[in-house]
C-alpha atoms as a PDB file:
ATOM      1  CA  MET A   1    -131.611 -82.336  13.042  1.00  0.00           C
ATOM      2  CA  LYS A   2    -132.733 -79.147  11.605  1.00  0.00           C
ATOM      3  CA  ASP A   3    -130.464 -75.426  11.320  1.00  0.00           C
ATOM      4  CA  MET A   4    -130.899 -72.551  12.290  1.00  0.00           C
ATOM      5  CA  ILE A   5    -130.204 -69.206  10.110  1.00  0.00           C
ATOM      6  CA  ILE A   6    -130.439 -65.419  11.364  1.00  0.00           C
ATOM      7  CA  THR A   7    -129.871 -62.997   8.643  1.00  0.00           C
ATOM      8  CA  HIS A   8    -130.958 -59.716   7.421  1.00  0.00           C
ATOM      9  CA  ALA A   9    -134.743 -58.483   6.067  1.00  0.00           C
ATOM     10  CA  LYS A  10    -133.744 -56.400   3.762  1.00  0.00           C
ATOM     11  CA  ASP A  11    -131.666 -57.347   0.722  1.00  0.00           C
ATOM     12  CA  VAL A  12    -131.198 -59.760  -1.467  1.00  0.00           C
ATOM     13  CA  ASP A  13    -127.782 -61.185  -0.406  1.00  0.00           C
ATOM     14  CA  GLY A  14    -129.965 -61.621   3.031  1.00  0.00           C
ATOM     15  CA  VAL A  15    -132.419 -63.666   2.160  1.00  0.00           C
ATOM     16  CA  SER A  16    -130.166 -65.568  -0.054  1.00  0.00           C
ATOM     17  CA  PRO A  17    -128.472 -67.606   2.050  1.00  0.00           C
ATOM     18  CA  VAL A  18    -131.726 -69.274   3.527  1.00  0.00           C
ATOM     19  CA  ILE A  19    -132.465 -70.014  -0.172  1.00  0.00           C
ATOM     20  CA  LEU A  20    -129.503 -71.872  -0.323  1.00  0.00           C
ATOM     21  CA  LEU A  21    -130.065 -74.030   2.601  1.00  0.00           C
ATOM     22  CA  LYS A  22    -133.819 -74.661   1.293  1.00  0.00           C
ATOM     23  CA  LEU A  23    -131.946 -76.051  -1.530  1.00  0.00           C
ATOM     24  CA  LEU A  24    -130.578 -78.670  -0.026  1.00  0.00           C
ATOM     25  CA  LYS A  25    -134.024 -79.806   1.765  1.00  0.00           C
ATOM     26  CA  ARG A  26    -132.721 -78.984   4.709  1.00  0.00           C
ATOM     27  CA  ASP A  27    -135.643 -78.441   8.055  1.00  0.00           C
ATOM     28  CA  VAL A  28    -134.579 -74.943   8.312  1.00  0.00           C
ATOM     29  CA  ASP A  29    -135.574 -72.256  10.696  1.00  0.00           C
ATOM     30  CA  PHE A  30    -134.940 -68.647   9.355  1.00  0.00           C
ATOM     31  CA  HIS A  31    -135.499 -65.351  11.319  1.00  0.00           C
ATOM     32  CA  LEU A  32    -134.780 -62.295   8.935  1.00  0.00           C
ATOM     33  CA  LEU A  33    -133.870 -59.525  11.108  1.00  0.00           C
ATOM     34  CA  GLU A  34    -133.735 -55.480  10.997  1.00  0.00           C
ATOM     35  CA  ILE A  35    -130.126 -54.194  11.559  1.00  0.00           C
ATOM     36  CA  GLU A  36    -131.432 -52.285  14.722  1.00  0.00           C
ATOM     37  CA  GLU A  37    -132.804 -55.433  15.665  1.00  0.00           C
ATOM     38  CA  VAL A  38    -129.847 -57.860  15.820  1.00  0.00           C
ATOM     39  CA  GLU A  39    -128.148 -57.484  18.877  1.00  0.00           C
ATOM     40  CA  GLU A  40    -131.448 -58.112  21.247  1.00  0.00           C
ATOM     41  CA  LYS A  41    -133.014 -60.608  19.052  1.00  0.00           C
ATOM     42  CA  VAL A  42    -129.800 -62.764  18.213  1.00  0.00           C
ATOM     43  CA  SER A  43    -129.034 -63.054  21.665  1.00  0.00           C
ATOM     44  CA  LEU A  44    -132.511 -64.306  22.371  1.00  0.00           C
ATOM     45  CA  LEU A  45    -132.469 -66.502  20.033  1.00  0.00           C
ATOM     46  CA  LEU A  46    -129.537 -67.831  20.649  1.00  0.00           C
ATOM     47  CA  LYS A  47    -130.510 -68.372  24.775  1.00  0.00           C
ATOM     48  CA  GLU A  48    -132.838 -70.540  23.549  1.00  0.00           C
ATOM     49  CA  ASP A  49    -132.379 -74.476  24.048  1.00  0.00           C
ATOM     50  CA  LEU A  50    -130.736 -75.358  20.718  1.00  0.00           C
ATOM     51  CA  ASP A  51    -130.258 -78.873  21.117  1.00  0.00           C
ATOM     52  CA  ASN A  52    -132.369 -79.602  18.210  1.00  0.00           C
ATOM     53  CA  TYR A  53    -130.439 -77.993  15.883  1.00  0.00           C
ATOM     54  CA  GLU A  54    -127.143 -79.184  14.236  1.00  0.00           C
ATOM     55  CA  HIS A  55    -125.792 -76.108  12.377  1.00  0.00           C
ATOM     56  CA  ILE A  56    -126.563 -72.098  13.758  1.00  0.00           C
ATOM     57  CA  TYR A  57    -126.089 -69.756  11.125  1.00  0.00           C
ATOM     58  CA  VAL A  58    -125.687 -65.774  11.360  1.00  0.00           C
ATOM     59  CA  THR A  59    -125.663 -64.624   7.558  1.00  0.00           C
ATOM     60  CA  ASP A  60    -124.796 -60.444   6.817  1.00  0.00           C
ATOM     61  CA  LEU A  61    -125.161 -59.139   9.935  1.00  0.00           C
ATOM     62  CA  SER A  62    -122.938 -57.823  11.996  1.00  0.00           C
ATOM     63  CA  LEU A  63    -122.522 -58.837  16.141  1.00  0.00           C
ATOM     64  CA  SER A  64    -121.181 -56.548  19.010  1.00  0.00           C
ATOM     65  CA  GLU A  65    -117.777 -58.114  20.568  1.00  0.00           C
ATOM     66  CA  GLU A  66    -119.852 -58.532  23.511  1.00  0.00           C
ATOM     67  CA  LEU A  67    -121.909 -60.665  22.208  1.00  0.00           C
ATOM     68  CA  TYR A  68    -119.045 -62.493  20.150  1.00  0.00           C
ATOM     69  CA  GLU A  69    -116.893 -62.739  23.761  1.00  0.00           C
ATOM     70  CA  TRP A  70    -120.419 -64.814  25.242  1.00  0.00           C
ATOM     71  CA  ILE A  71    -120.945 -66.919  22.316  1.00  0.00           C
ATOM     72  CA  GLU A  72    -117.077 -68.131  22.621  1.00  0.00           C
ATOM     73  CA  LYS A  73    -117.539 -69.425  26.086  1.00  0.00           C
ATOM     74  CA  GLN A  74    -120.834 -71.786  25.049  1.00  0.00           C
ATOM     75  CA  SER A  75    -120.571 -75.399  24.671  1.00  0.00           C
ATOM     76  CA  TRP A  76    -122.751 -75.172  21.083  1.00  0.00           C
ATOM     77  CA  LYS A  77    -120.054 -73.004  19.710  1.00  0.00           C
ATOM     78  CA  GLU A  78    -118.542 -75.888  17.069  1.00  0.00           C
ATOM     79  CA  LYS A  79    -122.145 -75.675  15.534  1.00  0.00           C
ATOM     80  CA  PHE A  80    -122.277 -71.755  15.566  1.00  0.00           C
ATOM     81  CA  CYS A  81    -120.822 -70.220  11.973  1.00  0.00           C
ATOM     82  CA  VAL A  82    -121.145 -66.574  10.810  1.00  0.00           C
ATOM     83  CA  PHE A  83    -120.765 -65.166   7.323  1.00  0.00           C
ATOM     84  CA  ASP A  84    -120.012 -61.914   6.831  1.00  0.00           C
ATOM     85  CA  HIS A  85    -118.491 -58.913   4.771  1.00  0.00           C
ATOM     86  CA  HIS A  86    -118.879 -56.007   6.247  1.00  0.00           C
ATOM     87  CA  ILE A  87    -115.645 -53.515   6.728  1.00  0.00           C
ATOM     88  CA  SER A  88    -116.369 -52.252   9.859  1.00  0.00           C
ATOM     89  CA  GLN A  89    -116.645 -55.936  11.460  1.00  0.00           C
ATOM     90  CA  GLN A  90    -112.716 -56.854   9.931  1.00  0.00           C
ATOM     91  CA  TYR A  91    -111.817 -57.565  14.209  1.00  0.00           C
ATOM     92  CA  ALA A  92    -114.256 -60.302  13.978  1.00  0.00           C
ATOM     93  CA  SER A  93    -111.933 -62.583  12.115  1.00  0.00           C
ATOM     94  CA  LYS A  94    -110.209 -63.625  15.343  1.00  0.00           C
ATOM     95  CA  TYR A  95    -112.716 -66.023  16.335  1.00  0.00           C
ATOM     96  CA  PRO A  96    -112.997 -69.481  14.826  1.00  0.00           C
ATOM     97  CA  PHE A  97    -116.615 -69.656  14.064  1.00  0.00           C
ATOM     98  CA  VAL A  98    -116.596 -66.388  11.539  1.00  0.00           C
ATOM     99  CA  THR A  99    -116.317 -65.942   8.118  1.00  0.00           C
ATOM    100  CA  LEU A 100    -115.077 -62.856   7.022  1.00  0.00           C
ATOM    101  CA  ASP A 101    -114.069 -61.249   3.681  1.00  0.00           C
ATOM    102  CA  ILE A 102    -115.185 -57.907   2.346  1.00  0.00           C
ATOM    103  CA  ASN A 103    -113.736 -58.784  -1.409  1.00  0.00           C
ATOM    104  CA  GLU A 104    -117.661 -61.086  -0.677  1.00  0.00           C
ATOM    105  CA  CYS A 105    -121.049 -60.890   0.180  1.00  0.00           C
ATOM    106  CA  ALA A 106    -122.344 -62.748   2.232  1.00  0.00           C
ATOM    107  CA  THR A 107    -124.206 -65.017   0.388  1.00  0.00           C
ATOM    108  CA  SER A 108    -121.164 -66.271  -1.640  1.00  0.00           C
ATOM    109  CA  LEU A 109    -119.356 -67.087   1.149  1.00  0.00           C
ATOM    110  CA  PHE A 110    -121.865 -69.266   2.630  1.00  0.00           C
ATOM    111  CA  TYR A 111    -122.438 -70.781  -0.848  1.00  0.00           C
ATOM    112  CA  HIS A 112    -118.203 -71.953  -0.975  1.00  0.00           C
ATOM    113  CA  TYR A 113    -118.986 -73.146   2.619  1.00  0.00           C
ATOM    114  CA  LEU A 114    -122.295 -75.192   1.796  1.00  0.00           C
ATOM    115  CA  LYS A 115    -121.075 -76.580  -1.468  1.00  0.00           C
ATOM    116  CA  THR A 116    -117.863 -78.420   0.041  1.00  0.00           C
ATOM    117  CA  ASN A 117    -120.230 -81.166   1.370  1.00  0.00           C
ATOM    118  CA  ASN A 118    -123.132 -80.412  -1.122  1.00  0.00           C
ATOM    119  CA  GLU A 119    -122.291 -81.113  -4.468  1.00  0.00           C
ATOM    120  CA  GLN A 120    -126.529 -80.990  -5.865  1.00  0.00           C
ATOM    121  CA  LEU A 121    -125.665 -76.996  -5.067  1.00  0.00           C
ATOM    122  CA  ASN A 122    -122.881 -76.784  -7.365  1.00  0.00           C
ATOM    123  CA  THR A 123    -124.796 -76.289 -10.837  1.00  0.00           C
ATOM    124  CA  SER A 124    -124.277 -73.643 -13.235  1.00  0.00           C
ATOM    125  CA  LYS A 125    -127.540 -71.697 -12.876  1.00  0.00           C
ATOM    126  CA  ILE A 126    -127.180 -71.472  -8.851  1.00  0.00           C
ATOM    127  CA  ASN A 127    -123.480 -70.617  -9.349  1.00  0.00           C
ATOM    128  CA  ASP A 128    -124.755 -67.808 -11.917  1.00  0.00           C
ATOM    129  CA  TYR A 129    -127.240 -66.966  -9.299  1.00  0.00           C
ATOM    130  CA  VAL A 130    -125.149 -66.204  -6.759  1.00  0.00           C
ATOM    131  CA  GLU A 131    -122.941 -64.169  -9.074  1.00  0.00           C
ATOM    132  CA  CYS A 132    -125.589 -62.183  -9.309  1.00  0.00           C
ATOM    133  CA  VAL A 133    -126.044 -61.527  -6.002  1.00  0.00           C
ATOM    134  CA  LYS A 134    -122.714 -60.856  -5.419  1.00  0.00           C
ATOM    135  CA  ASN A 135    -122.455 -58.259  -8.318  1.00  0.00           C
ATOM    136  CA  LEU A 136    -125.520 -56.577  -7.348  1.00  0.00           C
ATOM    137  CA  ASP A 137    -124.326 -56.635  -3.230  1.00  0.00           C
ATOM    138  CA  LEU A 138    -121.574 -54.954  -3.980  1.00  0.00           C
ATOM    139  CA  TRP A 139    -122.287 -52.826  -6.910  1.00  0.00           C
ATOM    140  CA  HIS A 140    -119.825 -54.778  -9.381  1.00  0.00           C
ATOM    141  CA  TRP A 141    -123.340 -54.865 -11.468  1.00  0.00           C
ATOM    142  CA  VAL A 142    -122.545 -51.185 -12.886  1.00  0.00           C
ATOM    143  CA  THR A 143    -119.301 -51.998 -14.092  1.00  0.00           C
ATOM    144  CA  LYS A 144    -119.499 -55.034 -15.262  1.00  0.00           C
ATOM    145  CA  LYS A 145    -123.649 -54.099 -16.572  1.00  0.00           C
ATOM    146  CA  ASP A 146    -125.015 -57.386 -15.112  1.00  0.00           C
ATOM    147  CA  PHE A 147    -128.267 -56.273 -15.105  1.00  0.00           C
ATOM    148  CA  THR A 148    -129.374 -60.032 -14.378  1.00  0.00           C
ATOM    149  CA  ALA A 149    -127.837 -59.007 -10.657  1.00  0.00           C
ATOM    150  CA  LYS A 150    -129.833 -55.346 -10.758  1.00  0.00           C
ATOM    151  CA  ARG A 151    -133.270 -56.738 -11.564  1.00  0.00           C
ATOM    152  CA  LEU A 152    -133.132 -59.586  -8.545  1.00  0.00           C
ATOM    153  CA  GLY A 153    -132.769 -56.688  -6.423  1.00  0.00           C
ATOM    154  CA  ASP A 154    -135.859 -54.937  -8.667  1.00  0.00           C
ATOM    155  CA  LEU A 155    -137.572 -58.044  -7.935  1.00  0.00           C
ATOM    156  CA  PHE A 156    -137.073 -57.933  -4.041  1.00  0.00           C
ATOM    157  CA  GLU A 157    -138.935 -54.920  -3.791  1.00  0.00           C
ATOM    158  CA  ILE A 158    -141.941 -56.348  -5.765  1.00  0.00           C
ATOM    159  CA  TYR A 159    -141.849 -60.042  -4.161  1.00  0.00           C
ATOM    160  CA  GLY A 160    -140.754 -58.867  -0.324  1.00  0.00           C
ATOM    161  CA  ASN A 161    -137.979 -61.373   1.383  1.00  0.00           C
ATOM    162  CA  LEU A 162    -140.575 -64.107   2.011  1.00  0.00           C
ATOM    163  CA  GLY A 163    -142.107 -63.879  -1.858  1.00  0.00           C
ATOM    164  CA  TYR A 164    -138.492 -63.871  -3.267  1.00  0.00           C
ATOM    165  CA  ILE A 165    -137.642 -66.907  -1.153  1.00  0.00           C
ATOM    166  CA  ASP A 166    -140.620 -68.577  -2.262  1.00  0.00           C
ATOM    167  CA  HIS A 167    -140.271 -67.719  -5.896  1.00  0.00           C
ATOM    168  CA  PHE A 168    -136.347 -69.034  -5.625  1.00  0.00           C
ATOM    169  CA  VAL A 169    -136.573 -71.926  -4.469  1.00  0.00           C
ATOM    170  CA  LYS A 170    -138.639 -72.850  -6.889  1.00  0.00           C
ATOM    171  CA  ASN A 171    -136.526 -71.305  -9.883  1.00  0.00           C
ATOM    172  CA  LEU A 172    -133.384 -72.620  -8.829  1.00  0.00           C
ATOM    173  CA  ASN A 173    -135.010 -76.311  -8.402  1.00  0.00           C
ATOM    174  CA  ASP A 174    -135.797 -76.228 -12.273  1.00  0.00           C
ATOM    175  CA  GLU A 175    -132.929 -75.962 -14.923  1.00  0.00           C
ATOM    176  CA  GLY A 176    -135.496 -75.197 -17.978  1.00  0.00           C
ATOM    177  CA  VAL A 177    -136.214 -71.869 -16.774  1.00  0.00           C
ATOM    178  CA  PRO A 178    -134.031 -68.843 -16.618  1.00  0.00           C
ATOM    179  CA  ILE A 179    -133.127 -67.121 -13.646  1.00  0.00           C
ATOM    180  CA  ILE A 180    -135.373 -63.877 -14.930  1.00  0.00           C
ATOM    181  CA  THR A 181    -138.322 -65.500 -16.402  1.00  0.00           C
ATOM    182  CA  ASN A 182    -139.960 -63.089 -19.751  1.00  0.00           C
ATOM    183  CA  THR A 183    -143.053 -62.811 -17.301  1.00  0.00           C
ATOM    184  CA  GLU A 184    -140.886 -61.212 -15.145  1.00  0.00           C
ATOM    185  CA  GLU A 185    -138.885 -59.480 -17.682  1.00  0.00           C
ATOM    186  CA  GLU A 186    -142.367 -57.370 -18.156  1.00  0.00           C
ATOM    187  CA  ILE A 187    -143.093 -56.677 -14.711  1.00  0.00           C
ATOM    188  CA  LEU A 188    -139.962 -55.446 -14.425  1.00  0.00           C
ATOM    189  CA  GLU A 189    -140.478 -53.196 -17.272  1.00  0.00           C
ATOM    190  CA  ILE A 190    -143.272 -51.676 -15.270  1.00  0.00           C
ATOM    191  CA  GLU A 191    -141.307 -51.284 -12.462  1.00  0.00           C
ATOM    192  CA  GLU A 192    -138.506 -49.415 -14.196  1.00  0.00           C
ATOM    193  CA  SER A 193    -141.433 -46.469 -14.717  1.00  0.00           C
ATOM    194  CA  ARG A 194    -141.708 -46.738 -10.781  1.00  0.00           C
ATOM    195  CA  ILE A 195    -138.682 -46.282 -10.283  1.00  0.00           C
ATOM    196  CA  LYS A 196    -137.786 -43.563 -12.578  1.00  0.00           C
ATOM    197  CA  ARG A 197    -141.368 -41.566 -10.722  1.00  0.00           C
ATOM    198  CA  TYR A 198    -140.399 -42.486  -7.535  1.00  0.00           C
ATOM    199  CA  PHE A 199    -136.894 -40.812  -8.132  1.00  0.00           C
ATOM    200  CA  GLU A 200    -138.388 -37.767  -9.534  1.00  0.00           C
ATOM    201  CA  ARG A 201    -140.749 -37.481  -6.753  1.00  0.00           C
ATOM    202  CA  LYS A 202    -137.867 -37.859  -3.894  1.00  0.00           C
ATOM    203  CA  ASN A 203    -135.509 -35.584  -6.158  1.00  0.00           C
ATOM    204  CA  GLU A 204    -137.777 -32.802  -5.619  1.00  0.00           C
ATOM    205  CA  GLN A 205    -137.998 -33.694  -1.825  1.00  0.00           C
ATOM    206  CA  LEU A 206    -133.790 -33.835  -1.396  1.00  0.00           C
ATOM    207  CA  LEU A 207    -132.565 -32.152   1.223  1.00  0.00           C
ATOM    208  CA  THR A 208    -129.171 -30.678   1.578  1.00  0.00           C
ATOM    209  CA  PHE A 209    -127.231 -30.295   5.016  1.00  0.00           C
ATOM    210  CA  THR A 210    -123.811 -30.567   6.059  1.00  0.00           C
ATOM    211  CA  TYR A 211    -122.458 -32.889   8.911  1.00  0.00           C
ATOM    212  CA  GLN A 212    -119.222 -33.033   9.897  1.00  0.00           C
ATOM    213  CA  ASN A 213    -117.675 -31.664   6.742  1.00  0.00           C
ATOM    214  CA  TYR A 214    -119.857 -33.633   4.430  1.00  0.00           C
ATOM    215  CA  LYS A 215    -122.648 -32.366   2.161  1.00  0.00           C
ATOM    216  CA  VAL A 216    -125.167 -34.456   2.721  1.00  0.00           C
ATOM    217  CA  GLY A 217    -128.555 -35.018   0.680  1.00  0.00           C
ATOM    218  CA  VAL A 218    -131.331 -36.155   2.885  1.00  0.00           C
ATOM    219  CA  VAL A 219    -134.506 -37.960   1.887  1.00  0.00           C
ATOM    220  CA  PHE A 220    -137.056 -39.353   3.352  1.00  0.00           C
ATOM    221  CA  ALA A 221    -137.608 -43.064   1.690  1.00  0.00           C
ATOM    222  CA  GLU A 222    -139.026 -46.613   2.026  1.00  0.00           C
ATOM    223  CA  ASN A 223    -138.354 -48.228  -1.192  1.00  0.00           C
ATOM    224  CA  TYR A 224    -135.861 -48.564  -3.176  1.00  0.00           C
ATOM    225  CA  ARG A 225    -133.040 -47.234  -1.456  1.00  0.00           C
ATOM    226  CA  SER A 226    -129.955 -48.670  -3.233  1.00  0.00           C
ATOM    227  CA  GLU A 227    -130.761 -47.401  -6.680  1.00  0.00           C
ATOM    228  CA  LEU A 228    -132.381 -44.279  -5.157  1.00  0.00           C
ATOM    229  CA  GLY A 229    -129.242 -43.465  -3.744  1.00  0.00           C
ATOM    230  CA  MET A 230    -127.101 -44.304  -7.087  1.00  0.00           C
ATOM    231  CA  LEU A 231    -129.694 -42.238  -9.156  1.00  0.00           C
ATOM    232  CA  LEU A 232    -129.665 -39.470  -6.080  1.00  0.00           C
ATOM    233  CA  GLN A 233    -125.656 -39.294  -5.915  1.00  0.00           C
ATOM    234  CA  ASN A 234    -125.473 -39.198 -10.113  1.00  0.00           C
ATOM    235  CA  ALA A 235    -127.956 -36.149 -10.183  1.00  0.00           C
ATOM    236  CA  HIS A 236    -125.813 -34.194  -7.567  1.00  0.00           C
ATOM    237  CA  PRO A 237    -122.201 -34.776  -7.602  1.00  0.00           C
ATOM    238  CA  GLU A 238    -121.931 -32.315  -5.304  1.00  0.00           C
ATOM    239  CA  LEU A 239    -122.924 -34.277  -2.633  1.00  0.00           C
ATOM    240  CA  ASP A 240    -120.425 -36.253  -0.761  1.00  0.00           C
ATOM    241  CA  PHE A 241    -123.575 -39.325  -0.157  1.00  0.00           C
ATOM    242  CA  ILE A 242    -126.982 -39.448   0.233  1.00  0.00           C
ATOM    243  CA  ALA A 243    -128.574 -40.491   3.307  1.00  0.00           C
ATOM    244  CA  MET A 244    -132.317 -41.833   2.666  1.00  0.00           C
ATOM    245  CA  ILE A 245    -134.273 -42.641   6.352  1.00  0.00           C
ATOM    246  CA  ASN A 246    -136.941 -44.646   6.403  1.00  0.00           C
ATOM    247  CA  VAL A 247    -138.610 -43.418   9.790  1.00  0.00           C
ATOM    248  CA  GLY A 248    -140.141 -47.667  10.738  1.00  0.00           C
ATOM    249  CA  GLY A 249    -136.664 -48.914   9.667  1.00  0.00           C
ATOM    250  CA  GLY A 250    -133.360 -47.192   9.628  1.00  0.00           C
ATOM    251  CA  VAL A 251    -130.909 -45.249   7.587  1.00  0.00           C
ATOM    252  CA  SER A 252    -129.342 -46.093   4.271  1.00  0.00           C
ATOM    253  CA  LEU A 253    -125.889 -44.126   3.197  1.00  0.00           C
ATOM    254  CA  ARG A 254    -125.095 -44.345  -0.230  1.00  0.00           C
ATOM    255  CA  THR A 255    -121.855 -42.301  -2.239  1.00  0.00           C
ATOM    256  CA  GLN A 256    -119.831 -42.861  -4.715  1.00  0.00           C
ATOM    257  CA  LYS A 257    -116.975 -41.046  -4.214  1.00  0.00           C
ATOM    258  CA  ASP A 258    -114.049 -42.451  -3.137  1.00  0.00           C
ATOM    259  CA  ASN A 259    -112.920 -40.675  -0.454  1.00  0.00           C
ATOM    260  CA  VAL A 260    -115.839 -40.841   1.496  1.00  0.00           C
ATOM    261  CA  ASP A 261    -115.783 -43.904   4.038  1.00  0.00           C
ATOM    262  CA  LEU A 262    -119.392 -44.628   5.228  1.00  0.00           C
ATOM    263  CA  ALA A 263    -118.816 -47.898   6.850  1.00  0.00           C
ATOM    264  CA  GLU A 264    -116.605 -45.620   9.395  1.00  0.00           C
ATOM    265  CA  LEU A 265    -119.294 -42.631   9.479  1.00  0.00           C
ATOM    266  CA  ALA A 266    -122.402 -45.559   9.968  1.00  0.00           C
ATOM    267  CA  THR A 267    -120.111 -47.156  12.748  1.00  0.00           C
ATOM    268  CA  THR A 268    -120.079 -43.803  14.775  1.00  0.00           C
ATOM    269  CA  LEU A 269    -123.877 -43.621  14.793  1.00  0.00           C
ATOM    270  CA  GLY A 270    -124.276 -47.296  15.878  1.00  0.00           C
ATOM    271  CA  GLY A 271    -124.117 -49.120  12.321  1.00  0.00           C
ATOM    272  CA  GLY A 272    -121.687 -50.294   9.552  1.00  0.00           C
ATOM    273  CA  GLY A 273    -121.817 -51.553   6.663  1.00  0.00           C
ATOM    274  CA  HIS A 274    -119.683 -50.830   3.652  1.00  0.00           C
ATOM    275  CA  LYS A 275    -117.367 -47.799   2.538  1.00  0.00           C
ATOM    276  CA  LYS A 276    -120.200 -47.029   0.013  1.00  0.00           C
ATOM    277  CA  ALA A 277    -122.902 -48.614   1.269  1.00  0.00           C
ATOM    278  CA  SER A 278    -124.080 -49.038   4.488  1.00  0.00           C
ATOM    279  CA  GLY A 279    -126.617 -47.698   7.668  1.00  0.00           C
ATOM    280  CA  PHE A 280    -127.570 -47.893  10.924  1.00  0.00           C
ATOM    281  CA  GLY A 281    -131.276 -47.890  12.906  1.00  0.00           C
ATOM    282  CA  ILE A 282    -133.061 -45.324  14.485  1.00  0.00           C
ATOM    283  CA  PRO A 283    -133.590 -46.199  18.139  1.00  0.00           C
ATOM    284  CA  ASP A 284    -137.531 -46.287  19.297  1.00  0.00           C
ATOM    285  CA  GLU A 285    -136.856 -43.440  21.552  1.00  0.00           C
ATOM    286  CA  LYS A 286    -135.818 -41.429  18.616  1.00  0.00           C
ATOM    287  CA  ARG A 287    -139.243 -42.501  16.938  1.00  0.00           C
ATOM    288  CA  VAL A 288    -141.062 -41.180  19.750  1.00  0.00           C
ATOM    289  CA  GLU A 289    -139.574 -37.742  19.825  1.00  0.00           C
ATOM    290  CA  ILE A 290    -140.426 -37.470  15.794  1.00  0.00           C
ATOM    291  CA  ILE A 291    -144.291 -38.285  15.936  1.00  0.00           C
ATOM    292  CA  LYS A 292    -144.258 -35.521  19.470  1.00  0.00           C
ATOM    293  CA  GLN A 293    -142.110 -32.931  17.534  1.00  0.00           C
ATOM    294  CA  ILE A 294    -145.294 -33.492  14.333  1.00  0.00           C
ATOM    295  CA  PHE A 295    -147.682 -33.748  17.682  1.00  0.00           C
ATOM    296  CA  LYS A 296    -147.013 -31.049  20.131  1.00  0.00           C
ATOM    297  CA  GLY A 297    -148.097 -31.967  23.333  1.00  0.00           C
ATOM    298  CA  ALA A 298    -148.762 -35.414  22.758  1.00  0.00           C
ATOM    299  CA  GLU A 299    -147.516 -37.979  24.983  1.00  0.00           C
ATOM    300  CA  GLU A 300    -146.942 -41.502  24.687  1.00  0.00           C
ATOM    301  CA  GLU A 301    -149.045 -44.453  25.970  1.00  0.00           C
ATOM    302  CA  LYS A 302    -146.866 -46.957  27.983  1.00  0.00           C
ATOM    303  CA  LYS A 303    -147.757 -50.958  26.746  1.00  0.00           C
END
């Protein structure tokens, strides 16, 4: 028997549950999804033959109430578990297969669940790693000055999601090496310079809009979005939040203002997340509209 895990493709908290399962030497089928893919692809995956799976996990992804209601009626629901921490999904805690805590990250919730029956995960190094992921995802690293946590995010940008998974499965299996190696520290020093240049370039490109009585800084950005959002907000305290648009992916929202609720805002736009860090997808038809705006008179060829 093996496990299936469906999780978020775009950050450390999304991929780290896969790492934890692989550390258990489990036979794992994992699916890394973009936010805008979740509803369609999770529905398709759960309609496949699931008899070969002992457990089916969803982590760091928010499902619709309609999908939860459908799952509730399935014969395999006893082997299905969701671990989520987005404030916009609090209603989902009524389902017995959902574990939801906005004070944790998906990785820490999943870790607490797994180590109950898998003592081999209860090592100081894995504990430290999970705490770093939590500090990174909930932005505690800023106040706690947990720079190891921040460096995990930088390494994710360098390795990509699959490379990051492979690397940290090996790293966390070896008690003799630190979470961030000396070689990686040197690489990250170079990466810091790249991030600085990236911020300077995007800061020059920043446009300001008014949206629902908010003053919003908008920029097109594909990389370093969490850190870029923080840097742009620090540079422009007059703005209520920063919106970073990745046309090929989605829109990331970041704020440091206590009176701005980005989770509520993102929900109205078809997304979700946390109060100070949220996002939403860009539908395919919107991408087509953007292309048509650039290439006047262009018509999409149907596949």
